[in-house]
Amino acid sequence: MIRAELNQALLKGGERFPQVALEKILRVVGRFVKAKNYEASIAFVNNKTIRFANRVYRGKDSVTDVLSFSLEKNSGEILISYSQAKKQAKEAGRGARDEISFLIVHGLLHLFEYDHQTSKDAKKMFSLQTKILNQLYDKR
């Protein structure tokens, strides 16, 4: 089971991500990764903050959409740039909530040690990510 605290202080009314949608994502991802007692913190941040974190922790001086950090044994943190997510959603022709759902799933998979640095790892991660997203969207 995955539990998460969602910090949406940066967002205004209609931009806020619904708690029920988050809980569904956590349930579905938790089943796929067989999570037991995992605690995550998810925060929406601005581009300046995510760029700084990307530079400090990954050595990449650029804005990114999502960053994941494993903390202690059963906990982690996910940072999401809301403005980057909104931009990417527009470019892909989908809603911001769908993009945020995608980013939360992607970030959670990173916390469970899935990665896409090699083609073999990418195939494994993206295949699982697709299965999770298909289940989320099929049961709306």
C-alpha atoms as a PDB file:
ATOM      1  CA  MET A   1       0.000   0.000   0.000  1.00  0.00           C
ATOM      2  CA  ILE A   2       1.231   3.448  -0.891  1.00  0.00           C
ATOM      3  CA  ARG A   3       0.178   6.491   1.099  1.00  0.00           C
ATOM      4  CA  ALA A   4       0.985   9.992  -0.070  1.00  0.00           C
ATOM      5  CA  GLU A   5       0.739  13.528   1.125  1.00  0.00           C
ATOM      6  CA  LEU A   6       0.025  15.962  -1.711  1.00  0.00           C
ATOM      7  CA  ASN A   7       1.271  19.539  -1.358  1.00  0.00           C
ATOM      8  CA  GLN A   8      -0.783  21.725  -3.682  1.00  0.00           C
ATOM      9  CA  ALA A   9      -0.094  25.078  -2.028  1.00  0.00           C
ATOM     10  CA  LEU A  10       1.218  26.441  -5.337  1.00  0.00           C
ATOM     11  CA  LEU A  11      -2.029  25.675  -7.184  1.00  0.00           C
ATOM     12  CA  LYS A  12      -5.250  27.650  -7.388  1.00  0.00           C
ATOM     13  CA  GLY A  13      -8.790  26.216  -7.088  1.00  0.00           C
ATOM     14  CA  GLY A  14      -9.430  24.564 -10.462  1.00  0.00           C
ATOM     15  CA  GLU A  15      -5.811  23.522 -10.847  1.00  0.00           C
ATOM     16  CA  ARG A  16      -5.878  21.355  -7.722  1.00  0.00           C
ATOM     17  CA  PHE A  17      -5.501  17.621  -8.257  1.00  0.00           C
ATOM     18  CA  PRO A  18      -8.444  15.664  -6.833  1.00  0.00           C
ATOM     19  CA  GLN A  19      -7.666  13.510  -3.789  1.00  0.00           C
ATOM     20  CA  VAL A  20      -9.858  10.709  -5.140  1.00  0.00           C
ATOM     21  CA  ALA A  21      -7.766  10.582  -8.348  1.00  0.00           C
ATOM     22  CA  LEU A  22      -4.562  10.445  -6.309  1.00  0.00           C
ATOM     23  CA  GLU A  23      -5.905   7.617  -4.157  1.00  0.00           C
ATOM     24  CA  LYS A  24      -6.816   5.622  -7.265  1.00  0.00           C
ATOM     25  CA  ILE A  25      -3.320   6.092  -8.710  1.00  0.00           C
ATOM     26  CA  LEU A  26      -1.761   5.001  -5.422  1.00  0.00           C
ATOM     27  CA  ARG A  27      -3.942   1.871  -5.277  1.00  0.00           C
ATOM     28  CA  VAL A  28      -3.228   0.813  -8.853  1.00  0.00           C
ATOM     29  CA  VAL A  29       0.521   1.508  -8.732  1.00  0.00           C
ATOM     30  CA  GLY A  30       0.706  -0.160  -5.323  1.00  0.00           C
ATOM     31  CA  ARG A  31      -0.819  -3.346  -6.733  1.00  0.00           C
ATOM     32  CA  PHE A  32       1.559  -3.442  -9.695  1.00  0.00           C
ATOM     33  CA  VAL A  33       4.710  -2.851  -7.642  1.00  0.00           C
ATOM     34  CA  LYS A  34       3.490  -4.887  -4.651  1.00  0.00           C
ATOM     35  CA  ALA A  35       4.078  -1.966  -2.300  1.00  0.00           C
ATOM     36  CA  LYS A  36       3.910  -2.514   1.440  1.00  0.00           C
ATOM     37  CA  ASN A  37       3.736   0.457   3.804  1.00  0.00           C
ATOM     38  CA  TYR A  38       5.290   3.011   1.466  1.00  0.00           C
ATOM     39  CA  GLU A  39       5.058   6.737   2.256  1.00  0.00           C
ATOM     40  CA  ALA A  40       5.449   9.345  -0.463  1.00  0.00           C
ATOM     41  CA  SER A  41       5.373  13.098  -0.460  1.00  0.00           C
ATOM     42  CA  ILE A  42       4.268  14.746  -3.707  1.00  0.00           C
ATOM     43  CA  ALA A  43       4.681  18.482  -4.181  1.00  0.00           C
ATOM     44  CA  PHE A  44       3.913  20.861  -6.996  1.00  0.00           C
ATOM     45  CA  VAL A  45       6.758  23.312  -7.458  1.00  0.00           C
ATOM     46  CA  ASN A  46       7.609  26.154  -9.822  1.00  0.00           C
ATOM     47  CA  ASN A  47      10.110  25.917 -12.670  1.00  0.00           C
ATOM     48  CA  LYS A  48      12.823  27.715 -10.710  1.00  0.00           C
ATOM     49  CA  THR A  49      12.654  25.135  -7.909  1.00  0.00           C
ATOM     50  CA  ILE A  50      12.609  22.083 -10.167  1.00  0.00           C
ATOM     51  CA  ARG A  51      15.432  23.460 -12.301  1.00  0.00           C
ATOM     52  CA  PHE A  52      17.524  24.027  -9.169  1.00  0.00           C
ATOM     53  CA  ALA A  53      16.822  20.477  -7.912  1.00  0.00           C
ATOM     54  CA  ASN A  54      17.573  19.041 -11.356  1.00  0.00           C
ATOM     55  CA  ARG A  55      20.910  20.886 -11.441  1.00  0.00           C
ATOM     56  CA  VAL A  56      21.919  19.949  -7.885  1.00  0.00           C
ATOM     57  CA  TYR A  57      20.849  16.299  -7.913  1.00  0.00           C
ATOM     58  CA  ARG A  58      21.195  15.303 -11.557  1.00  0.00           C
ATOM     59  CA  GLY A  59      23.731  17.789 -12.902  1.00  0.00           C
ATOM     60  CA  LYS A  60      21.257  19.011 -15.535  1.00  0.00           C
ATOM     61  CA  ASP A  61      20.673  22.763 -15.584  1.00  0.00           C
ATOM     62  CA  SER A  62      17.215  22.660 -17.126  1.00  0.00           C
ATOM     63  CA  VAL A  63      13.548  22.574 -16.225  1.00  0.00           C
ATOM     64  CA  THR A  64      12.067  19.104 -16.095  1.00  0.00           C
ATOM     65  CA  ASP A  65       8.552  17.849 -15.450  1.00  0.00           C
ATOM     66  CA  VAL A  66       9.074  15.431 -12.549  1.00  0.00           C
ATOM     67  CA  LEU A  67      11.839  14.414 -10.167  1.00  0.00           C
ATOM     68  CA  SER A  68      11.779  11.521  -7.715  1.00  0.00           C
ATOM     69  CA  PHE A  69      13.943  11.078  -4.646  1.00  0.00           C
ATOM     70  CA  SER A  70      14.157   7.916  -2.568  1.00  0.00           C
ATOM     71  CA  LEU A  71      14.547   8.836   1.058  1.00  0.00           C
ATOM     72  CA  GLU A  72      14.573   6.222   3.775  1.00  0.00           C
ATOM     73  CA  LYS A  73      13.753   2.558   3.210  1.00  0.00           C
ATOM     74  CA  ASN A  74      10.016   2.920   2.539  1.00  0.00           C
ATOM     75  CA  SER A  75       9.647   6.562   1.632  1.00  0.00           C
ATOM     76  CA  GLY A  76      10.272   9.012  -1.147  1.00  0.00           C
ATOM     77  CA  GLU A  77       9.484  12.412  -2.537  1.00  0.00           C
ATOM     78  CA  ILE A  78       8.209  13.512  -5.927  1.00  0.00           C
ATOM     79  CA  LEU A  79       8.451  17.058  -7.268  1.00  0.00           C
ATOM     80  CA  ILE A  80       6.231  18.059 -10.191  1.00  0.00           C
ATOM     81  CA  SER A  81       6.490  21.306 -12.126  1.00  0.00           C
ATOM     82  CA  TYR A  82       2.858  22.286 -12.634  1.00  0.00           C
ATOM     83  CA  SER A  83       3.650  24.796 -15.378  1.00  0.00           C
ATOM     84  CA  GLN A  84       5.773  22.240 -17.252  1.00  0.00           C
ATOM     85  CA  ALA A  85       3.002  19.638 -16.880  1.00  0.00           C
ATOM     86  CA  LYS A  86       0.456  22.138 -18.221  1.00  0.00           C
ATOM     87  CA  LYS A  87       2.709  22.977 -21.180  1.00  0.00           C
ATOM     88  CA  GLN A  88       3.278  19.308 -22.008  1.00  0.00           C
ATOM     89  CA  ALA A  89      -0.449  18.551 -21.718  1.00  0.00           C
ATOM     90  CA  LYS A  90      -1.245  21.302 -24.209  1.00  0.00           C
ATOM     91  CA  GLU A  91       1.437  20.054 -26.622  1.00  0.00           C
ATOM     92  CA  ALA A  92       0.064  16.495 -26.359  1.00  0.00           C
ATOM     93  CA  GLY A  93      -3.554  17.637 -26.744  1.00  0.00           C
ATOM     94  CA  ARG A  94      -4.706  16.349 -23.374  1.00  0.00           C
ATOM     95  CA  GLY A  95      -5.824  17.822 -20.087  1.00  0.00           C
ATOM     96  CA  ALA A  96      -3.486  18.911 -17.318  1.00  0.00           C
ATOM     97  CA  ARG A  97      -4.975  16.351 -14.909  1.00  0.00           C
ATOM     98  CA  ASP A  98      -4.165  13.513 -17.302  1.00  0.00           C
ATOM     99  CA  GLU A  99      -0.597  14.792 -17.621  1.00  0.00           C
ATOM    100  CA  ILE A 100      -0.277  15.073 -13.854  1.00  0.00           C
ATOM    101  CA  SER A 101      -1.623  11.524 -13.448  1.00  0.00           C
ATOM    102  CA  PHE A 102       1.028  10.356 -15.903  1.00  0.00           C
ATOM    103  CA  LEU A 103       3.758  12.235 -14.004  1.00  0.00           C
ATOM    104  CA  ILE A 104       2.671  10.840 -10.639  1.00  0.00           C
ATOM    105  CA  VAL A 105       2.735   7.288 -12.026  1.00  0.00           C
ATOM    106  CA  HIS A 106       6.129   7.941 -13.636  1.00  0.00           C
ATOM    107  CA  GLY A 107       7.522   9.437 -10.427  1.00  0.00           C
ATOM    108  CA  LEU A 108       6.222   6.569  -8.305  1.00  0.00           C
ATOM    109  CA  LEU A 109       7.817   4.009 -10.592  1.00  0.00           C
ATOM    110  CA  HIS A 110      11.147   5.785 -10.159  1.00  0.00           C
ATOM    111  CA  LEU A 111      10.699   5.537  -6.385  1.00  0.00           C
ATOM    112  CA  PHE A 112      10.303   1.784  -6.817  1.00  0.00           C
ATOM    113  CA  GLU A 113      13.622   1.669  -8.674  1.00  0.00           C
ATOM    114  CA  TYR A 114      12.332   1.567 -12.233  1.00  0.00           C
ATOM    115  CA  ASP A 115      14.425   3.621 -14.613  1.00  0.00           C
ATOM    116  CA  HIS A 116      14.851   4.372 -18.295  1.00  0.00           C
ATOM    117  CA  GLN A 117      18.581   4.994 -18.601  1.00  0.00           C
ATOM    118  CA  THR A 118      19.168   1.947 -20.805  1.00  0.00           C
ATOM    119  CA  SER A 119      16.891   0.635 -23.540  1.00  0.00           C
ATOM    120  CA  LYS A 120      16.308  -2.586 -21.580  1.00  0.00           C
ATOM    121  CA  ASP A 121      15.314  -0.647 -18.443  1.00  0.00           C
ATOM    122  CA  ALA A 122      13.191   1.765 -20.484  1.00  0.00           C
ATOM    123  CA  LYS A 123      11.285  -1.081 -22.094  1.00  0.00           C
ATOM    124  CA  LYS A 124      10.538  -2.603 -18.689  1.00  0.00           C
ATOM    125  CA  MET A 125       9.533   0.705 -17.070  1.00  0.00           C
ATOM    126  CA  PHE A 126       7.459   2.061 -19.949  1.00  0.00           C
ATOM    127  CA  SER A 127       5.668  -1.249 -20.419  1.00  0.00           C
ATOM    128  CA  LEU A 128       4.629  -1.249 -16.768  1.00  0.00           C
ATOM    129  CA  GLN A 129       3.746   2.449 -16.924  1.00  0.00           C
ATOM    130  CA  THR A 130       1.471   1.791 -19.913  1.00  0.00           C
ATOM    131  CA  LYS A 131      -0.265  -1.095 -18.118  1.00  0.00           C
ATOM    132  CA  ILE A 132      -0.886   1.099 -15.088  1.00  0.00           C
ATOM    133  CA  LEU A 133      -2.182   4.031 -17.138  1.00  0.00           C
ATOM    134  CA  ASN A 134      -4.438   1.744 -19.191  1.00  0.00           C
ATOM    135  CA  GLN A 135      -5.955   0.383 -15.995  1.00  0.00           C
ATOM    136  CA  LEU A 136      -6.442   3.881 -14.600  1.00  0.00           C
ATOM    137  CA  TYR A 137      -8.127   5.156 -17.748  1.00  0.00           C
ATOM    138  CA  ASP A 138     -10.220   2.036 -18.383  1.00  0.00           C
ATOM    139  CA  LYS A 139     -11.866   2.299 -14.956  1.00  0.00           C
ATOM    140  CA  ARG A 140     -12.720   6.010 -14.939  1.00  0.00           C
END
